[in-house]
Amino acid sequence: MNSAMGVTFVIATHNMEVASIGSRIIYLRGGRVMSESDLVRIKEEFSKLRVDKTAVIKSYLRILDLEERRLRRLGQDLSEVERKRDLINSFIGST
């Protein structure tokens, strides 16, 4: 059995800072997924926004805390959460 299962979070938000923590953003309008050409335009507009990095980091750390609690409750390995937290801490230290 493969013990390295991935975890996907689906976050519905209007907050661009929260959305920026994702590796993929799906933009909906009127309940429909926008076309790829619209997504390119949206990504360009998003890249122009000023994002508060501290708020994004704090949001991501809260998500990691939830994941850690879930894994602890299930008695599973925490090494991936710890690795991600170490990456965040090294990023914070380098800024």
PDB file of N, CA and C in Angstrom:
ATOM      1  N   MET A   1       0.836  -1.188   0.000  1.00  0.00           N
ATOM      2  CA  MET A   1       0.000   0.000   0.000  1.00  0.00           C
ATOM      3  C   MET A   1       0.879   1.249   0.000  1.00  0.00           C
ATOM      4  N   ASN A   2       0.519   2.208  -0.812  1.00  0.00           N
ATOM      5  CA  ASN A   2       1.279   3.450  -0.909  1.00  0.00           C
ATOM      6  C   ASN A   2       0.879   4.381   0.229  1.00  0.00           C
ATOM      7  N   SER A   3       1.841   4.719   1.084  1.00  0.00           N
ATOM      8  CA  SER A   3       1.524   5.583   2.233  1.00  0.00           C
ATOM      9  C   SER A   3       1.696   7.063   1.908  1.00  0.00           C
ATOM     10  N   ALA A   4       2.193   7.401   0.710  1.00  0.00           N
ATOM     11  CA  ALA A   4       2.424   8.801   0.342  1.00  0.00           C
ATOM     12  C   ALA A   4       1.243   9.321  -0.468  1.00  0.00           C
ATOM     13  N   MET A   5       0.119   9.456   0.195  1.00  0.00           N
ATOM     14  CA  MET A   5      -1.073   9.959  -0.482  1.00  0.00           C
ATOM     15  C   MET A   5      -1.091  11.472  -0.410  1.00  0.00           C
ATOM     16  N   GLY A   6      -1.484  12.099  -1.497  1.00  0.00           N
ATOM     17  CA  GLY A   6      -1.557  13.552  -1.529  1.00  0.00           C
ATOM     18  C   GLY A   6      -2.834  14.055  -0.885  1.00  0.00           C
ATOM     19  N   VAL A   7      -2.831  15.317  -0.571  1.00  0.00           N
ATOM     20  CA  VAL A   7      -3.995  15.956   0.011  1.00  0.00           C
ATOM     21  C   VAL A   7      -4.344  17.162  -0.842  1.00  0.00           C
ATOM     22  N   THR A   8      -5.608  17.295  -1.168  1.00  0.00           N
ATOM     23  CA  THR A   8      -6.067  18.429  -1.948  1.00  0.00           C
ATOM     24  C   THR A   8      -7.025  19.247  -1.112  1.00  0.00           C
ATOM     25  N   PHE A   9      -6.800  20.543  -1.080  1.00  0.00           N
ATOM     26  CA  PHE A   9      -7.718  21.462  -0.429  1.00  0.00           C
ATOM     27  C   PHE A   9      -8.425  22.246  -1.515  1.00  0.00           C
ATOM     28  N   VAL A  10      -9.731  22.338  -1.407  1.00  0.00           N
ATOM     29  CA  VAL A  10     -10.499  23.191  -2.305  1.00  0.00           C
ATOM     30  C   VAL A  10     -10.973  24.363  -1.464  1.00  0.00           C
ATOM     31  N   ILE A  11     -10.530  25.542  -1.847  1.00  0.00           N
ATOM     32  CA  ILE A  11     -10.879  26.750  -1.101  1.00  0.00           C
ATOM     33  C   ILE A  11     -11.640  27.669  -2.038  1.00  0.00           C
ATOM     34  N   ALA A  12     -12.858  27.975  -1.683  1.00  0.00           N
ATOM     35  CA  ALA A  12     -13.641  28.944  -2.459  1.00  0.00           C
ATOM     36  C   ALA A  12     -13.514  30.287  -1.761  1.00  0.00           C
ATOM     37  N   THR A  13     -12.981  31.263  -2.478  1.00  0.00           N
ATOM     38  CA  THR A  13     -12.727  32.554  -1.848  1.00  0.00           C
ATOM     39  C   THR A  13     -12.775  33.679  -2.866  1.00  0.00           C
ATOM     40  N   HIS A  14     -13.033  34.859  -2.366  1.00  0.00           N
ATOM     41  CA  HIS A  14     -12.923  36.074  -3.172  1.00  0.00           C
ATOM     42  C   HIS A  14     -11.656  36.821  -2.790  1.00  0.00           C
ATOM     43  N   ASN A  15     -10.943  36.315  -1.794  1.00  0.00           N
ATOM     44  CA  ASN A  15      -9.737  36.949  -1.276  1.00  0.00           C
ATOM     45  C   ASN A  15      -8.533  36.482  -2.091  1.00  0.00           C
ATOM     46  N   MET A  16      -7.939  37.389  -2.860  1.00  0.00           N
ATOM     47  CA  MET A  16      -6.824  37.029  -3.725  1.00  0.00           C
ATOM     48  C   MET A  16      -5.594  36.594  -2.935  1.00  0.00           C
ATOM     49  N   GLU A  17      -5.413  37.118  -1.729  1.00  0.00           N
ATOM     50  CA  GLU A  17      -4.280  36.693  -0.916  1.00  0.00           C
ATOM     51  C   GLU A  17      -4.418  35.230  -0.531  1.00  0.00           C
ATOM     52  N   VAL A  18      -5.613  34.829  -0.171  1.00  0.00           N
ATOM     53  CA  VAL A  18      -5.846  33.423   0.170  1.00  0.00           C
ATOM     54  C   VAL A  18      -5.689  32.561  -1.076  1.00  0.00           C
ATOM     55  N   ALA A  19      -6.228  33.012  -2.192  1.00  0.00           N
ATOM     56  CA  ALA A  19      -6.139  32.244  -3.437  1.00  0.00           C
ATOM     57  C   ALA A  19      -4.688  32.046  -3.867  1.00  0.00           C
ATOM     58  N   SER A  20      -3.823  32.983  -3.538  1.00  0.00           N
ATOM     59  CA  SER A  20      -2.437  32.906  -4.008  1.00  0.00           C
ATOM     60  C   SER A  20      -1.652  31.776  -3.359  1.00  0.00           C
ATOM     61  N   ILE A  21      -2.158  31.174  -2.287  1.00  0.00           N
ATOM     62  CA  ILE A  21      -1.431  30.061  -1.677  1.00  0.00           C
ATOM     63  C   ILE A  21      -1.612  28.783  -2.482  1.00  0.00           C
ATOM     64  N   GLY A  22      -2.583  28.770  -3.365  1.00  0.00           N
ATOM     65  CA  GLY A  22      -2.833  27.574  -4.159  1.00  0.00           C
ATOM     66  C   GLY A  22      -1.861  27.420  -5.312  1.00  0.00           C
ATOM     67  N   SER A  23      -1.693  26.175  -5.743  1.00  0.00           N
ATOM     68  CA  SER A  23      -0.858  25.929  -6.917  1.00  0.00           C
ATOM     69  C   SER A  23      -1.685  26.008  -8.189  1.00  0.00           C
ATOM     70  N   ARG A  24      -2.992  26.036  -8.024  1.00  0.00           N
ATOM     71  CA  ARG A  24      -3.881  26.138  -9.182  1.00  0.00           C
ATOM     72  C   ARG A  24      -5.096  26.952  -8.778  1.00  0.00           C
ATOM     73  N   ILE A  25      -5.455  27.910  -9.614  1.00  0.00           N
ATOM     74  CA  ILE A  25      -6.628  28.741  -9.354  1.00  0.00           C
ATOM     75  C   ILE A  25      -7.619  28.528 -10.489  1.00  0.00           C
ATOM     76  N   ILE A  26      -8.824  28.164 -10.130  1.00  0.00           N
ATOM     77  CA  ILE A  26      -9.886  28.000 -11.116  1.00  0.00           C
ATOM     78  C   ILE A  26     -10.862  29.148 -10.895  1.00  0.00           C
ATOM     79  N   TYR A  27     -11.046  29.959 -11.910  1.00  0.00           N
ATOM     80  CA  TYR A  27     -11.885  31.141 -11.797  1.00  0.00           C
ATOM     81  C   TYR A  27     -13.280  30.815 -12.309  1.00  0.00           C
ATOM     82  N   LEU A  28     -14.285  31.082 -11.482  1.00  0.00           N
ATOM     83  CA  LEU A  28     -15.680  30.852 -11.850  1.00  0.00           C
ATOM     84  C   LEU A  28     -16.388  32.185 -12.032  1.00  0.00           C
ATOM     85  N   ARG A  29     -17.251  32.233 -12.996  1.00  0.00           N
ATOM     86  CA  ARG A  29     -18.084  33.411 -13.191  1.00  0.00           C
ATOM     87  C   ARG A  29     -19.470  32.923 -13.570  1.00  0.00           C
ATOM     88  N   GLY A  30     -20.456  33.318 -12.780  1.00  0.00           N
ATOM     89  CA  GLY A  30     -21.816  32.862 -13.042  1.00  0.00           C
ATOM     90  C   GLY A  30     -21.957  31.356 -12.931  1.00  0.00           C
ATOM     91  N   GLY A  31     -21.149  30.741 -12.051  1.00  0.00           N
ATOM     92  CA  GLY A  31     -21.219  29.301 -11.857  1.00  0.00           C
ATOM     93  C   GLY A  31     -20.530  28.486 -12.933  1.00  0.00           C
ATOM     94  N   ARG A  32     -19.820  29.138 -13.840  1.00  0.00           N
ATOM     95  CA  ARG A  32     -19.132  28.439 -14.933  1.00  0.00           C
ATOM     96  C   ARG A  32     -17.632  28.697 -14.876  1.00  0.00           C
ATOM     97  N   VAL A  33     -16.865  27.667 -15.234  1.00  0.00           N
ATOM     98  CA  VAL A  33     -15.404  27.817 -15.310  1.00  0.00           C
ATOM     99  C   VAL A  33     -15.089  28.666 -16.528  1.00  0.00           C
ATOM    100  N   MET A  34     -14.251  29.677 -16.335  1.00  0.00           N
ATOM    101  CA  MET A  34     -13.865  30.558 -17.434  1.00  0.00           C
ATOM    102  C   MET A  34     -12.933  29.819 -18.385  1.00  0.00           C
ATOM    103  N   SER A  35     -12.881  30.242 -19.627  1.00  0.00           N
ATOM    104  CA  SER A  35     -12.024  29.609 -20.629  1.00  0.00           C
ATOM    105  C   SER A  35     -10.555  29.893 -20.331  1.00  0.00           C
ATOM    106  N   GLU A  36      -9.656  29.100 -20.930  1.00  0.00           N
ATOM    107  CA  GLU A  36      -8.219  29.285 -20.705  1.00  0.00           C
ATOM    108  C   GLU A  36      -7.764  30.695 -21.053  1.00  0.00           C
ATOM    109  N   SER A  37      -8.292  31.267 -22.142  1.00  0.00           N
ATOM    110  CA  SER A  37      -7.865  32.616 -22.521  1.00  0.00           C
ATOM    111  C   SER A  37      -8.244  33.613 -21.432  1.00  0.00           C
ATOM    112  N   ASP A  38      -9.389  33.416 -20.815  1.00  0.00           N
ATOM    113  CA  ASP A  38      -9.779  34.281 -19.705  1.00  0.00           C
ATOM    114  C   ASP A  38      -8.859  34.066 -18.508  1.00  0.00           C
ATOM    115  N   LEU A  39      -8.451  32.815 -18.289  1.00  0.00           N
ATOM    116  CA  LEU A  39      -7.569  32.526 -17.160  1.00  0.00           C
ATOM    117  C   LEU A  39      -6.217  33.200 -17.328  1.00  0.00           C
ATOM    118  N   VAL A  40      -5.708  33.262 -18.541  1.00  0.00           N
ATOM    119  CA  VAL A  40      -4.435  33.947 -18.786  1.00  0.00           C
ATOM    120  C   VAL A  40      -4.566  35.419 -18.416  1.00  0.00           C
ATOM    121  N   ARG A  41      -5.652  36.041 -18.849  1.00  0.00           N
ATOM    122  CA  ARG A  41      -5.891  37.449 -18.528  1.00  0.00           C
ATOM    123  C   ARG A  41      -6.023  37.642 -17.018  1.00  0.00           C
ATOM    124  N   ILE A  42      -6.753  36.749 -16.381  1.00  0.00           N
ATOM    125  CA  ILE A  42      -6.951  36.839 -14.933  1.00  0.00           C
ATOM    126  C   ILE A  42      -5.615  36.706 -14.206  1.00  0.00           C
ATOM    127  N   LYS A  43      -4.776  35.755 -14.641  1.00  0.00           N
ATOM    128  CA  LYS A  43      -3.459  35.586 -14.012  1.00  0.00           C
ATOM    129  C   LYS A  43      -2.602  36.830 -14.179  1.00  0.00           C
ATOM    130  N   GLU A  44      -2.683  37.465 -15.343  1.00  0.00           N
ATOM    131  CA  GLU A  44      -1.930  38.703 -15.567  1.00  0.00           C
ATOM    132  C   GLU A  44      -2.407  39.798 -14.624  1.00  0.00           C
ATOM    133  N   GLU A  45      -3.722  39.924 -14.486  1.00  0.00           N
ATOM    134  CA  GLU A  45      -4.266  40.929 -13.569  1.00  0.00           C
ATOM    135  C   GLU A  45      -3.882  40.605 -12.137  1.00  0.00           C
ATOM    136  N   PHE A  46      -3.945  39.339 -11.792  1.00  0.00           N
ATOM    137  CA  PHE A  46      -3.603  38.916 -10.434  1.00  0.00           C
ATOM    138  C   PHE A  46      -2.146  39.233 -10.119  1.00  0.00           C
ATOM    139  N   SER A  47      -1.254  39.042 -11.107  1.00  0.00           N
ATOM    140  CA  SER A  47       0.165  39.287 -10.868  1.00  0.00           C
ATOM    141  C   SER A  47       0.457  40.764 -10.599  1.00  0.00           C
ATOM    142  N   LYS A  48      -0.442  41.658 -11.001  1.00  0.00           N
ATOM    143  CA  LYS A  48      -0.256  43.086 -10.776  1.00  0.00           C
ATOM    144  C   LYS A  48      -0.684  43.514  -9.371  1.00  0.00           C
ATOM    145  N   LEU A  49      -1.445  42.650  -8.694  1.00  0.00           N
ATOM    146  CA  LEU A  49      -1.934  42.996  -7.362  1.00  0.00           C
ATOM    147  C   LEU A  49      -0.796  42.978  -6.352  1.00  0.00           C
ATOM    148  N   ARG A  50      -0.921  43.832  -5.384  1.00  0.00           N
ATOM    149  CA  ARG A  50       0.042  43.831  -4.289  1.00  0.00           C
ATOM    150  C   ARG A  50      -0.468  42.844  -3.249  1.00  0.00           C
ATOM    151  N   VAL A  51       0.302  41.822  -3.002  1.00  0.00           N
ATOM    152  CA  VAL A  51      -0.100  40.776  -2.066  1.00  0.00           C
ATOM    153  C   VAL A  51       0.718  40.919  -0.794  1.00  0.00           C
ATOM    154  N   ASP A  52       0.025  40.905   0.326  1.00  0.00           N
ATOM    155  CA  ASP A  52       0.682  40.961   1.622  1.00  0.00           C
ATOM    156  C   ASP A  52       1.252  39.576   1.922  1.00  0.00           C
ATOM    157  N   LYS A  53       2.564  39.417   1.735  1.00  0.00           N
ATOM    158  CA  LYS A  53       3.198  38.110   1.896  1.00  0.00           C
ATOM    159  C   LYS A  53       3.010  37.558   3.302  1.00  0.00           C
ATOM    160  N   THR A  54       3.025  38.418   4.291  1.00  0.00           N
ATOM    161  CA  THR A  54       2.852  37.964   5.671  1.00  0.00           C
ATOM    162  C   THR A  54       1.482  37.334   5.861  1.00  0.00           C
ATOM    163  N   ALA A  55       0.439  37.946   5.304  1.00  0.00           N
ATOM    164  CA  ALA A  55      -0.910  37.395   5.427  1.00  0.00           C
ATOM    165  C   ALA A  55      -1.015  36.051   4.713  1.00  0.00           C
ATOM    166  N   VAL A  56      -0.370  35.931   3.556  1.00  0.00           N
ATOM    167  CA  VAL A  56      -0.386  34.670   2.813  1.00  0.00           C
ATOM    168  C   VAL A  56       0.322  33.579   3.609  1.00  0.00           C
ATOM    169  N   ILE A  57       1.482  33.910   4.170  1.00  0.00           N
ATOM    170  CA  ILE A  57       2.241  32.938   4.959  1.00  0.00           C
ATOM    171  C   ILE A  57       1.445  32.495   6.174  1.00  0.00           C
ATOM    172  N   LYS A  58       0.812  33.439   6.865  1.00  0.00           N
ATOM    173  CA  LYS A  58       0.010  33.090   8.041  1.00  0.00           C
ATOM    174  C   LYS A  58      -1.161  32.185   7.654  1.00  0.00           C
ATOM    175  N   SER A  59      -1.795  32.471   6.526  1.00  0.00           N
ATOM    176  CA  SER A  59      -2.898  31.630   6.058  1.00  0.00           C
ATOM    177  C   SER A  59      -2.410  30.215   5.760  1.00  0.00           C
ATOM    178  N   TYR A  60      -1.269  30.117   5.093  1.00  0.00           N
ATOM    179  CA  TYR A  60      -0.726  28.805   4.749  1.00  0.00           C
ATOM    180  C   TYR A  60      -0.333  28.038   6.012  1.00  0.00           C
ATOM    181  N   LEU A  61       0.235  28.731   6.986  1.00  0.00           N
ATOM    182  CA  LEU A  61       0.595  28.074   8.242  1.00  0.00           C
ATOM    183  C   LEU A  61      -0.641  27.552   8.970  1.00  0.00           C
ATOM    184  N   ARG A  62      -1.744  28.294   8.897  1.00  0.00           N
ATOM    185  CA  ARG A  62      -2.989  27.810   9.506  1.00  0.00           C
ATOM    186  C   ARG A  62      -3.472  26.536   8.813  1.00  0.00           C
ATOM    187  N   ILE A  63      -3.333  26.481   7.497  1.00  0.00           N
ATOM    188  CA  ILE A  63      -3.713  25.273   6.764  1.00  0.00           C
ATOM    189  C   ILE A  63      -2.817  24.107   7.168  1.00  0.00           C
ATOM    190  N   LEU A  64      -1.522  24.366   7.312  1.00  0.00           N
ATOM    191  CA  LEU A  64      -0.606  23.314   7.761  1.00  0.00           C
ATOM    192  C   LEU A  64      -0.955  22.831   9.166  1.00  0.00           C
ATOM    193  N   ASP A  65      -1.362  23.757  10.038  1.00  0.00           N
ATOM    194  CA  ASP A  65      -1.783  23.366  11.391  1.00  0.00           C
ATOM    195  C   ASP A  65      -2.977  22.417  11.331  1.00  0.00           C
ATOM    196  N   LEU A  66      -3.945  22.728  10.476  1.00  0.00           N
ATOM    197  CA  LEU A  66      -5.112  21.855  10.316  1.00  0.00           C
ATOM    198  C   LEU A  66      -4.692  20.477   9.803  1.00  0.00           C
ATOM    199  N   GLU A  67      -3.804  20.467   8.827  1.00  0.00           N
ATOM    200  CA  GLU A  67      -3.322  19.204   8.277  1.00  0.00           C
ATOM    201  C   GLU A  67      -2.568  18.392   9.318  1.00  0.00           C
ATOM    202  N   GLU A  68      -1.762  19.068  10.125  1.00  0.00           N
ATOM    203  CA  GLU A  68      -1.024  18.372  11.176  1.00  0.00           C
ATOM    204  C   GLU A  68      -1.982  17.746  12.186  1.00  0.00           C
ATOM    205  N   ARG A  69      -2.998  18.508  12.605  1.00  0.00           N
ATOM    206  CA  ARG A  69      -3.985  17.961  13.544  1.00  0.00           C
ATOM    207  C   ARG A  69      -4.696  16.744  12.958  1.00  0.00           C
ATOM    208  N   ARG A  70      -5.027  16.820  11.663  1.00  0.00           N
ATOM    209  CA  ARG A  70      -5.706  15.700  11.005  1.00  0.00           C
ATOM    210  C   ARG A  70      -4.819  14.458  10.988  1.00  0.00           C
ATOM    211  N   LEU A  71      -3.558  14.650  10.622  1.00  0.00           N
ATOM    212  CA  LEU A  71      -2.630  13.521  10.570  1.00  0.00           C
ATOM    213  C   LEU A  71      -2.376  12.933  11.952  1.00  0.00           C
ATOM    214  N   ARG A  72      -2.253  13.806  12.963  1.00  0.00           N
ATOM    215  CA  ARG A  72      -2.070  13.315  14.338  1.00  0.00           C
ATOM    216  C   ARG A  72      -3.274  12.481  14.774  1.00  0.00           C
ATOM    217  N   ARG A  73      -4.459  12.974  14.464  1.00  0.00           N
ATOM    218  CA  ARG A  73      -5.683  12.259  14.836  1.00  0.00           C
ATOM    219  C   ARG A  73      -5.722  10.872  14.192  1.00  0.00           C
ATOM    220  N   LEU A  74      -5.218  10.763  12.962  1.00  0.00           N
ATOM    221  CA  LEU A  74      -5.208   9.496  12.236  1.00  0.00           C
ATOM    222  C   LEU A  74      -3.976   8.650  12.550  1.00  0.00           C
ATOM    223  N   GLY A  75      -3.043   9.211  13.337  1.00  0.00           N
ATOM    224  CA  GLY A  75      -1.828   8.492  13.681  1.00  0.00           C
ATOM    225  C   GLY A  75      -0.893   8.303  12.504  1.00  0.00           C
ATOM    226  N   GLN A  76      -0.891   9.276  11.584  1.00  0.00           N
ATOM    227  CA  GLN A  76      -0.073   9.158  10.382  1.00  0.00           C
ATOM    228  C   GLN A  76       1.194  10.003  10.481  1.00  0.00           C
ATOM    229  N   ASP A  77       2.074   9.774   9.529  1.00  0.00           N
ATOM    230  CA  ASP A  77       3.381  10.432   9.462  1.00  0.00           C
ATOM    231  C   ASP A  77       3.227  11.940   9.250  1.00  0.00           C
ATOM    232  N   LEU A  78       3.971  12.717  10.017  1.00  0.00           N
ATOM    233  CA  LEU A  78       3.908  14.181   9.947  1.00  0.00           C
ATOM    234  C   LEU A  78       5.078  14.784   9.170  1.00  0.00           C
ATOM    235  N   SER A  79       5.918  13.959   8.569  1.00  0.00           N
ATOM    236  CA  SER A  79       7.149  14.464   7.960  1.00  0.00           C
ATOM    237  C   SER A  79       6.882  15.448   6.821  1.00  0.00           C
ATOM    238  N   GLU A  80       5.833  15.250   6.044  1.00  0.00           N
ATOM    239  CA  GLU A  80       5.551  16.164   4.933  1.00  0.00           C
ATOM    240  C   GLU A  80       5.125  17.542   5.463  1.00  0.00           C
ATOM    241  N   VAL A  81       4.314  17.562   6.499  1.00  0.00           N
ATOM    242  CA  VAL A  81       3.907  18.834   7.106  1.00  0.00           C
ATOM    243  C   VAL A  81       5.131  19.530   7.698  1.00  0.00           C
ATOM    244  N   GLU A  82       5.979  18.767   8.361  1.00  0.00           N
ATOM    245  CA  GLU A  82       7.191  19.348   8.946  1.00  0.00           C
ATOM    246  C   GLU A  82       8.113  19.893   7.857  1.00  0.00           C
ATOM    247  N   ARG A  83       8.221  19.176   6.735  1.00  0.00           N
ATOM    248  CA  ARG A  83       9.049  19.635   5.621  1.00  0.00           C
ATOM    249  C   ARG A  83       8.524  20.958   5.078  1.00  0.00           C
ATOM    250  N   LYS A  84       7.205  21.049   4.902  1.00  0.00           N
ATOM    251  CA  LYS A  84       6.608  22.278   4.390  1.00  0.00           C
ATOM    252  C   LYS A  84       6.800  23.427   5.375  1.00  0.00           C
ATOM    253  N   ARG A  85       6.647  23.139   6.659  1.00  0.00           N
ATOM    254  CA  ARG A  85       6.835  24.188   7.672  1.00  0.00           C
ATOM    255  C   ARG A  85       8.292  24.663   7.679  1.00  0.00           C
ATOM    256  N   ASP A  86       9.239  23.743   7.510  1.00  0.00           N
ATOM    257  CA  ASP A  86      10.657  24.115   7.433  1.00  0.00           C
ATOM    258  C   ASP A  86      10.921  25.002   6.219  1.00  0.00           C
ATOM    259  N   LEU A  87      10.296  24.672   5.075  1.00  0.00           N
ATOM    260  CA  LEU A  87      10.453  25.502   3.878  1.00  0.00           C
ATOM    261  C   LEU A  87       9.936  26.909   4.106  1.00  0.00           C
ATOM    262  N   ILE A  88       8.790  27.014   4.761  1.00  0.00           N
ATOM    263  CA  ILE A  88       8.218  28.329   5.049  1.00  0.00           C
ATOM    264  C   ILE A  88       9.143  29.107   5.984  1.00  0.00           C
ATOM    265  N   ASN A  89       9.637  28.436   7.014  1.00  0.00           N
ATOM    266  CA  ASN A  89      10.530  29.122   7.950  1.00  0.00           C
ATOM    267  C   ASN A  89      11.817  29.568   7.280  1.00  0.00           C
ATOM    268  N   SER A  90      12.353  28.763   6.357  1.00  0.00           N
ATOM    269  CA  SER A  90      13.558  29.198   5.648  1.00  0.00           C
ATOM    270  C   SER A  90      13.252  30.361   4.717  1.00  0.00           C
ATOM    271  N   PHE A  91      12.044  30.365   4.129  1.00  0.00           N
ATOM    272  CA  PHE A  91      11.637  31.491   3.294  1.00  0.00           C
ATOM    273  C   PHE A  91      11.519  32.759   4.128  1.00  0.00           C
ATOM    274  N   ILE A  92      10.908  32.646   5.292  1.00  0.00           N
ATOM    275  CA  ILE A  92      10.758  33.799   6.176  1.00  0.00           C
ATOM    276  C   ILE A  92      12.122  34.333   6.584  1.00  0.00           C
ATOM    277  N   GLY A  93      13.057  33.423   6.853  1.00  0.00           N
ATOM    278  CA  GLY A  93      14.400  33.816   7.260  1.00  0.00           C
ATOM    279  C   GLY A  93      15.198  34.483   6.157  1.00  0.00           C
ATOM    280  N   SER A  94      14.844  34.181   4.891  1.00  0.00           N
ATOM    281  CA  SER A  94      15.607  34.743   3.763  1.00  0.00           C
ATOM    282  C   SER A  94      15.058  36.069   3.276  1.00  0.00           C
ATOM    283  N   THR A  95      13.905  36.515   3.809  1.00  0.00           N
ATOM    284  CA  THR A  95      13.324  37.782   3.348  1.00  0.00           C
ATOM    285  C   THR A  95      13.696  38.922   4.250  1.00  0.00           C
TER     286      THR A  95
END
